[in-house]
C-alpha atoms as a PDB file:
ATOM      1  CA  MET A   1     -16.251   7.316   0.498  1.00  0.00           C
ATOM      2  CA  LYS A   2     -18.954   9.300  -1.267  1.00  0.00           C
ATOM      3  CA  LEU A   3     -22.098  10.161   0.632  1.00  0.00           C
ATOM      4  CA  ASN A   4     -24.462   9.546  -2.220  1.00  0.00           C
ATOM      5  CA  THR A   5     -23.248   5.993  -2.797  1.00  0.00           C
ATOM      6  CA  PHE A   6     -25.301   4.895   0.187  1.00  0.00           C
ATOM      7  CA  VAL A   7     -28.997   4.180   0.074  1.00  0.00           C
ATOM      8  CA  VAL A   8     -30.391   5.258   3.383  1.00  0.00           C
ATOM      9  CA  ALA A   9     -33.429   3.064   3.048  1.00  0.00           C
ATOM     10  CA  THR A  10     -30.699   0.894   4.326  1.00  0.00           C
ATOM     11  CA  VAL A  11     -30.102  -2.597   5.426  1.00  0.00           C
ATOM     12  CA  LEU A  12     -28.589  -1.168   8.587  1.00  0.00           C
ATOM     13  CA  ALA A  13     -32.002  -0.233   9.913  1.00  0.00           C
ATOM     14  CA  SER A  14     -33.464  -3.583   8.943  1.00  0.00           C
ATOM     15  CA  ALA A  15     -30.529  -5.427  10.465  1.00  0.00           C
ATOM     16  CA  LEU A  16     -30.876  -3.591  13.755  1.00  0.00           C
ATOM     17  CA  SER A  17     -34.571  -4.414  13.908  1.00  0.00           C
ATOM     18  CA  ALA A  18     -34.234  -8.012  12.791  1.00  0.00           C
ATOM     19  CA  GLY A  19     -34.012  -9.409  16.296  1.00  0.00           C
ATOM     20  CA  PRO A  20     -31.249 -10.452  18.673  1.00  0.00           C
ATOM     21  CA  LEU A  21     -27.786 -10.661  17.225  1.00  0.00           C
ATOM     22  CA  LEU A  22     -27.558 -14.336  18.140  1.00  0.00           C
ATOM     23  CA  ALA A  23     -30.522 -15.087  15.875  1.00  0.00           C
ATOM     24  CA  GLN A  24     -28.689 -13.759  12.835  1.00  0.00           C
ATOM     25  CA  THR A  25     -26.521 -15.751  10.490  1.00  0.00           C
ATOM     26  CA  GLU A  26     -22.799 -15.091  10.315  1.00  0.00           C
ATOM     27  CA  ASP A  27     -23.287 -13.353   6.960  1.00  0.00           C
ATOM     28  CA  GLU A  28     -25.956 -11.079   8.447  1.00  0.00           C
ATOM     29  CA  LYS A  29     -23.713 -10.209  11.397  1.00  0.00           C
ATOM     30  CA  ALA A  30     -20.803  -9.399   9.096  1.00  0.00           C
ATOM     31  CA  LYS A  31     -22.993  -7.265   6.832  1.00  0.00           C
ATOM     32  CA  MET A  32     -24.447  -5.331   9.764  1.00  0.00           C
ATOM     33  CA  GLN A  33     -20.959  -4.667  11.136  1.00  0.00           C
ATOM     34  CA  LYS A  34     -19.796  -3.430   7.739  1.00  0.00           C
ATOM     35  CA  ASP A  35     -22.784  -1.082   7.495  1.00  0.00           C
ATOM     36  CA  ILE A  36     -22.016   0.359  10.926  1.00  0.00           C
ATOM     37  CA  GLN A  37     -18.391   0.919   9.925  1.00  0.00           C
ATOM     38  CA  ASN A  38     -19.488   2.585   6.684  1.00  0.00           C
ATOM     39  CA  TRP A  39     -21.725   5.041   8.508  1.00  0.00           C
ATOM     40  CA  ALA A  40     -18.980   5.773  11.052  1.00  0.00           C
ATOM     41  CA  ALA A  41     -16.629   6.544   8.163  1.00  0.00           C
ATOM     42  CA  MET A  42     -19.239   8.861   6.661  1.00  0.00           C
ATOM     43  CA  ARG A  43     -19.337  10.796   9.926  1.00  0.00           C
ATOM     44  CA  GLU A  44     -15.640  11.548   9.452  1.00  0.00           C
ATOM     45  CA  GLU A  45     -16.320  13.058   6.027  1.00  0.00           C
ATOM     46  CA  ALA A  46     -19.601  14.916   6.444  1.00  0.00           C
ATOM     47  CA  ILE A  47     -21.578  16.420   9.313  1.00  0.00           C
ATOM     48  CA  PRO A  48     -24.751  18.517   9.193  1.00  0.00           C
ATOM     49  CA  ALA A  49     -24.116  22.241   9.546  1.00  0.00           C
ATOM     50  CA  GLY A  50     -27.303  22.353  11.595  1.00  0.00           C
ATOM     51  CA  GLU A  51     -25.527  20.367  14.305  1.00  0.00           C
ATOM     52  CA  ILE A  52     -22.663  22.860  14.385  1.00  0.00           C
ATOM     53  CA  LEU A  53     -25.124  25.744  14.686  1.00  0.00           C
ATOM     54  CA  ALA A  54     -26.675  24.017  17.698  1.00  0.00           C
ATOM     55  CA  GLY A  55     -23.312  23.448  19.381  1.00  0.00           C
ATOM     56  CA  ASP A  56     -20.928  25.304  21.668  1.00  0.00           C
ATOM     57  CA  VAL A  57     -17.495  26.847  21.267  1.00  0.00           C
ATOM     58  CA  LYS A  58     -14.885  26.101  23.914  1.00  0.00           C
ATOM     59  CA  ASN A  59     -11.175  26.254  24.486  1.00  0.00           C
ATOM     60  CA  ILE A  60      -9.093  23.540  26.108  1.00  0.00           C
ATOM     61  CA  ALA A  61      -9.993  24.657  29.628  1.00  0.00           C
ATOM     62  CA  ASN A  62     -13.413  26.323  29.545  1.00  0.00           C
ATOM     63  CA  PRO A  63     -16.591  26.987  27.559  1.00  0.00           C
ATOM     64  CA  VAL A  64     -16.309  30.116  25.414  1.00  0.00           C
ATOM     65  CA  GLY A  65     -19.824  30.556  24.080  1.00  0.00           C
ATOM     66  CA  GLN A  66     -22.544  29.240  21.812  1.00  0.00           C
ATOM     67  CA  VAL A  67     -22.327  29.036  18.026  1.00  0.00           C
ATOM     68  CA  GLU A  68     -24.516  31.805  16.645  1.00  0.00           C
ATOM     69  CA  GLU A  69     -23.734  31.751  12.927  1.00  0.00           C
ATOM     70  CA  LEU A  70     -21.568  30.131  10.269  1.00  0.00           C
ATOM     71  CA  ILE A  71     -20.395  32.275   7.364  1.00  0.00           C
ATOM     72  CA  LEU A  72     -19.302  30.733   4.076  1.00  0.00           C
ATOM     73  CA  ASN A  73     -16.417  32.066   2.019  1.00  0.00           C
ATOM     74  CA  GLU A  74     -17.118  34.336  -0.930  1.00  0.00           C
ATOM     75  CA  LYS A  75     -17.487  31.398  -3.316  1.00  0.00           C
ATOM     76  CA  GLY A  76     -19.860  29.598  -0.954  1.00  0.00           C
ATOM     77  CA  THR A  77     -17.708  26.482  -0.975  1.00  0.00           C
ATOM     78  CA  ARG A  78     -16.640  26.213   2.674  1.00  0.00           C
ATOM     79  CA  ILE A  79     -17.246  27.632   6.142  1.00  0.00           C
ATOM     80  CA  GLN A  80     -14.898  30.567   6.657  1.00  0.00           C
ATOM     81  CA  TYR A  81     -16.000  32.100   9.962  1.00  0.00           C
ATOM     82  CA  VAL A  82     -17.758  30.938  13.106  1.00  0.00           C
ATOM     83  CA  LEU A  83     -19.620  33.637  15.040  1.00  0.00           C
ATOM     84  CA  PHE A  84     -20.256  32.889  18.693  1.00  0.00           C
ATOM     85  CA  GLU A  85     -22.102  34.622  21.491  1.00  0.00           C
ATOM     86  CA  VAL A  86     -21.095  34.545  25.141  1.00  0.00           C
ATOM     87  CA  PRO A  87     -24.223  34.192  27.285  1.00  0.00           C
ATOM     88  CA  TYR A  88     -24.640  35.382  30.856  1.00  0.00           C
ATOM     89  CA  PRO A  89     -22.951  34.598  33.251  1.00  0.00           C
ATOM     90  CA  TYR A  90     -19.963  33.439  31.140  1.00  0.00           C
ATOM     91  CA  SER A  91     -19.611  36.941  29.716  1.00  0.00           C
ATOM     92  CA  PHE A  92     -18.168  38.037  33.066  1.00  0.00           C
ATOM     93  CA  TYR A  93     -15.262  35.623  32.685  1.00  0.00           C
ATOM     94  CA  THR A  94     -14.607  34.900  29.013  1.00  0.00           C
ATOM     95  CA  GLY A  95     -15.216  38.292  27.432  1.00  0.00           C
ATOM     96  CA  GLU A  96     -17.482  39.508  24.655  1.00  0.00           C
ATOM     97  CA  ASP A  97     -19.125  37.923  21.639  1.00  0.00           C
ATOM     98  CA  GLY A  98     -16.613  37.147  18.921  1.00  0.00           C
ATOM     99  CA  PHE A  99     -15.683  35.133  15.876  1.00  0.00           C
ATOM    100  CA  VAL A 100     -13.018  32.664  14.849  1.00  0.00           C
ATOM    101  CA  ASN A 101     -11.755  31.335  11.538  1.00  0.00           C
ATOM    102  CA  TYR A 102     -13.054  27.811  10.974  1.00  0.00           C
ATOM    103  CA  LYS A 103      -9.501  26.687  10.211  1.00  0.00           C
ATOM    104  CA  ALA A 104      -8.618  27.385  13.848  1.00  0.00           C
ATOM    105  CA  VAL A 105     -11.199  25.015  15.355  1.00  0.00           C
ATOM    106  CA  GLU A 106     -11.611  21.283  15.714  1.00  0.00           C
ATOM    107  CA  VAL A 107     -14.943  19.481  15.708  1.00  0.00           C
ATOM    108  CA  GLU A 108     -15.783  17.313  18.699  1.00  0.00           C
ATOM    109  CA  ASP A 109     -18.852  15.179  19.314  1.00  0.00           C
ATOM    110  CA  GLY A 110     -20.917  16.607  22.157  1.00  0.00           C
ATOM    111  CA  TYR A 111     -21.772  14.661  25.291  1.00  0.00           C
ATOM    112  CA  TYR A 112     -25.485  14.753  24.508  1.00  0.00           C
ATOM    113  CA  GLY A 113     -25.312  14.448  20.729  1.00  0.00           C
ATOM    114  CA  GLY A 114     -24.493  17.129  18.209  1.00  0.00           C
ATOM    115  CA  VAL A 115     -21.058  18.655  17.885  1.00  0.00           C
ATOM    116  CA  ASN A 116     -18.958  21.332  19.572  1.00  0.00           C
ATOM    117  CA  LEU A 117     -16.061  23.423  18.281  1.00  0.00           C
ATOM    118  CA  LEU A 118     -12.755  23.405  20.127  1.00  0.00           C
ATOM    119  CA  ILE A 119     -10.353  26.364  19.920  1.00  0.00           C
ATOM    120  CA  ARG A 120      -6.864  25.132  20.802  1.00  0.00           C
ATOM    121  CA  ASP A 121      -5.068  28.479  20.433  1.00  0.00           C
ATOM    122  CA  ALA A 122      -6.351  31.056  22.922  1.00  0.00           C
ATOM    123  CA  ASP A 123      -5.346  33.981  20.686  1.00  0.00           C
ATOM    124  CA  VAL A 124      -7.286  33.151  17.525  1.00  0.00           C
ATOM    125  CA  ASP A 125     -10.778  34.296  18.554  1.00  0.00           C
ATOM    126  CA  LEU A 126     -11.462  37.973  17.917  1.00  0.00           C
ATOM    127  CA  PRO A 127     -14.062  40.629  18.831  1.00  0.00           C
ATOM    128  CA  ARG A 128     -16.937  41.058  16.384  1.00  0.00           C
ATOM    129  CA  ASP A 129     -15.855  44.559  15.352  1.00  0.00           C
ATOM    130  CA  GLN A 130     -12.755  43.091  13.709  1.00  0.00           C
ATOM    131  CA  LEU A 131     -14.820  41.091  11.225  1.00  0.00           C
ATOM    132  CA  LYS A 132     -14.577  43.230   8.089  1.00  0.00           C
ATOM    133  CA  LEU A 133     -17.732  42.067   6.384  1.00  0.00           C
ATOM    134  CA  THR A 134     -20.828  44.109   5.584  1.00  0.00           C
ATOM    135  CA  LYS A 135     -24.379  42.874   6.054  1.00  0.00           C
ATOM    136  CA  GLY A 136     -24.861  42.852   2.290  1.00  0.00           C
ATOM    137  CA  GLU A 137     -21.699  40.831   1.726  1.00  0.00           C
ATOM    138  CA  ALA A 138     -22.676  38.318   4.396  1.00  0.00           C
ATOM    139  CA  ARG A 139     -26.320  37.883   3.390  1.00  0.00           C
ATOM    140  CA  GLY A 140     -25.825  35.124   0.839  1.00  0.00           C
ATOM    141  CA  ARG A 141     -23.203  33.420   2.983  1.00  0.00           C
ATOM    142  CA  LEU A 142     -25.074  32.899   6.267  1.00  0.00           C
ATOM    143  CA  VAL A 143     -25.605  29.178   6.751  1.00  0.00           C
ATOM    144  CA  SER A 144     -28.590  29.669   9.074  1.00  0.00           C
ATOM    145  CA  ARG A 145     -30.341  31.587   6.285  1.00  0.00           C
ATOM    146  CA  LEU A 146     -29.437  29.100   3.556  1.00  0.00           C
ATOM    147  CA  ILE A 147     -30.907  26.261   5.623  1.00  0.00           C
ATOM    148  CA  GLY A 148     -34.655  26.557   5.154  1.00  0.00           C
ATOM    149  CA  SER A 149     -34.337  28.478   1.884  1.00  0.00           C
ATOM    150  CA  ASP A 150     -35.588  27.136  -1.434  1.00  0.00           C
ATOM    151  CA  ILE A 151     -33.306  25.720  -4.077  1.00  0.00           C
ATOM    152  CA  LYS A 152     -34.338  26.249  -7.696  1.00  0.00           C
ATOM    153  CA  PHE A 153     -33.895  23.331 -10.091  1.00  0.00           C
ATOM    154  CA  ALA A 154     -33.096  23.649 -13.785  1.00  0.00           C
ATOM    155  CA  ASP A 155     -36.708  22.776 -14.671  1.00  0.00           C
ATOM    156  CA  GLY A 156     -37.986  25.687 -12.574  1.00  0.00           C
ATOM    157  CA  GLN A 157     -39.223  23.629  -9.629  1.00  0.00           C
ATOM    158  CA  MET A 158     -38.391  24.676  -6.075  1.00  0.00           C
ATOM    159  CA  ARG A 159     -37.557  22.540  -3.049  1.00  0.00           C
ATOM    160  CA  GLU A 160     -36.482  23.358   0.511  1.00  0.00           C
ATOM    161  CA  VAL A 161     -32.892  23.003   1.726  1.00  0.00           C
ATOM    162  CA  GLU A 162     -33.123  21.036   4.982  1.00  0.00           C
ATOM    163  CA  ASP A 163     -29.440  21.112   5.873  1.00  0.00           C
ATOM    164  CA  ILE A 164     -25.952  21.517   4.478  1.00  0.00           C
ATOM    165  CA  LEU A 165     -23.286  18.850   4.927  1.00  0.00           C
ATOM    166  CA  VAL A 166     -19.699  19.932   5.519  1.00  0.00           C
ATOM    167  CA  HIS A 167     -16.367  18.204   5.982  1.00  0.00           C
ATOM    168  CA  PRO A 168     -15.617  18.468   9.716  1.00  0.00           C
ATOM    169  CA  LYS A 169     -11.905  19.222   9.305  1.00  0.00           C
ATOM    170  CA  THR A 170     -11.876  21.591   6.344  1.00  0.00           C
ATOM    171  CA  GLY A 171     -15.363  23.091   6.524  1.00  0.00           C
ATOM    172  CA  MET A 172     -15.818  22.361   2.809  1.00  0.00           C
ATOM    173  CA  VAL A 173     -19.459  22.104   1.767  1.00  0.00           C
ATOM    174  CA  THR A 174     -19.969  18.608   0.375  1.00  0.00           C
ATOM    175  CA  HIS A 175     -23.740  18.255  -0.111  1.00  0.00           C
ATOM    176  CA  TYR A 176     -27.065  20.026   0.228  1.00  0.00           C
ATOM    177  CA  VAL A 177     -29.866  18.049   1.875  1.00  0.00           C
ATOM    178  CA  VAL A 178     -33.132  18.767   0.072  1.00  0.00           C
ATOM    179  CA  GLU A 179     -36.715  17.752   0.875  1.00  0.00           C
ATOM    180  CA  MET A 180     -38.020  16.389  -2.416  1.00  0.00           C
ATOM    181  CA  ASN A 181     -41.660  15.850  -1.418  1.00  0.00           C
ATOM    182  CA  PRO A 182     -42.997  19.214  -0.209  1.00  0.00           C
ATOM    183  CA  ASP A 183     -46.550  17.881   0.129  1.00  0.00           C
ATOM    184  CA  ALA A 184     -45.693  15.058   2.532  1.00  0.00           C
ATOM    185  CA  LEU A 185     -47.047  15.663   6.035  1.00  0.00           C
ATOM    186  CA  PHE A 186     -45.131  12.957   7.895  1.00  0.00           C
ATOM    187  CA  ASP A 187     -42.912  10.961   5.526  1.00  0.00           C
ATOM    188  CA  ASP A 188     -39.728  12.843   4.684  1.00  0.00           C
ATOM    189  CA  ASP A 189     -38.138  12.300   1.298  1.00  0.00           C
ATOM    190  CA  SER A 190     -34.747  13.879   1.871  1.00  0.00           C
ATOM    191  CA  ARG A 191     -32.065  13.603  -0.791  1.00  0.00           C
ATOM    192  CA  THR A 192     -28.546  14.920  -1.138  1.00  0.00           C
ATOM    193  CA  ILE A 193     -27.216  17.027  -3.989  1.00  0.00           C
ATOM    194  CA  ARG A 194     -23.483  17.415  -4.468  1.00  0.00           C
ATOM    195  CA  ALA A 195     -22.248  20.908  -3.679  1.00  0.00           C
ATOM    196  CA  THR A 196     -20.513  20.981  -7.063  1.00  0.00           C
ATOM    197  CA  LYS A 197     -23.994  20.996  -8.627  1.00  0.00           C
ATOM    198  CA  VAL A 198     -25.196  23.949  -6.537  1.00  0.00           C
ATOM    199  CA  SER A 199     -24.507  27.682  -6.829  1.00  0.00           C
ATOM    200  CA  ILE A 200     -25.339  30.591  -4.541  1.00  0.00           C
ATOM    201  CA  LYS A 201     -26.151  33.767  -6.444  1.00  0.00           C
ATOM    202  CA  LYS A 202     -25.129  37.244  -5.287  1.00  0.00           C
ATOM    203  CA  ASP A 203     -28.672  37.865  -4.052  1.00  0.00           C
ATOM    204  CA  GLY A 204     -28.432  34.741  -1.876  1.00  0.00           C
ATOM    205  CA  SER A 205     -30.695  32.563  -4.023  1.00  0.00           C
ATOM    206  CA  ILE A 206     -29.694  28.909  -4.402  1.00  0.00           C
ATOM    207  CA  VAL A 207     -29.794  27.177  -7.781  1.00  0.00           C
ATOM    208  CA  THR A 208     -28.755  23.845  -9.245  1.00  0.00           C
ATOM    209  CA  ASP A 209     -28.213  22.740 -12.822  1.00  0.00           C
ATOM    210  CA  LEU A 210     -30.036  19.490 -12.041  1.00  0.00           C
ATOM    211  CA  LYS A 211     -33.681  18.778 -12.763  1.00  0.00           C
ATOM    212  CA  VAL A 212     -35.864  17.313 -10.027  1.00  0.00           C
ATOM    213  CA  THR A 213     -35.936  14.038 -11.963  1.00  0.00           C
ATOM    214  CA  ASP A 214     -32.119  13.925 -11.871  1.00  0.00           C
ATOM    215  CA  VAL A 215     -32.080  13.422  -8.109  1.00  0.00           C
ATOM    216  CA  GLU A 216     -32.036   9.647  -7.922  1.00  0.00           C
ATOM    217  CA  GLU A 217     -32.870   7.240  -5.127  1.00  0.00           C
ATOM    218  CA  THR A 218     -29.176   6.597  -4.524  1.00  0.00           C
ATOM    219  CA  GLN A 219     -29.029  10.054  -2.983  1.00  0.00           C
ATOM    220  CA  ASP A 220     -31.406   9.242  -0.122  1.00  0.00           C
ATOM    221  CA  PHE A 221     -30.451  10.805   3.197  1.00  0.00           C
ATOM    222  CA  ASP A 222     -31.229   9.931   6.793  1.00  0.00           C
ATOM    223  CA  PRO A 223     -29.671  12.161   9.497  1.00  0.00           C
ATOM    224  CA  ARG A 224     -29.792   9.330  12.038  1.00  0.00           C
ATOM    225  CA  PHE A 225     -26.775   7.808  10.341  1.00  0.00           C
ATOM    226  CA  LEU A 226     -24.544  10.876  10.507  1.00  0.00           C
END
């Protein structure tokens, strides 16, 4: 299921606000149920990196720490490392700040929304000093920095990256969420751009070979449905 096949000015929202379920026709009920299933399936294929950054890291028994940073691989195509910090008073029991390879974690929905990362193997998280990556090498790969940066279109126009969507199991970057109407005060106009159309330069700048006019309405995005 491809994320940009869904129009998020969606019938799901209208169906949910159309009144009691009993007042709907059988066709309307069936369509609403299908929409809900579609969005649930999307959640299995793409989650906002911003939610991961706001989550916790834990092992099977206890909390480990809070996600501090996500680092992409050298090509910028997937999350490679998760950096976490151990806040007081947990630092007395679980050790120091560390990192873990994204391949060693599983994504779980949090109790109060968002997502958490579960480490099943107690020996895969490592101290920070074992991460052999310089500040310069990491600069263009820090997800927290990429979110909020501008993306440059082929026609020279700039827009802000609101979030990055990743596959929860593999960490592969699937889409960039971009605010297309920078002058709007209240009404967001968020669209998705396939990661295959986006490049991260060595200096950390983000570019796409698309023009602003290439981003069609079928790429609308609404985070409420992920």
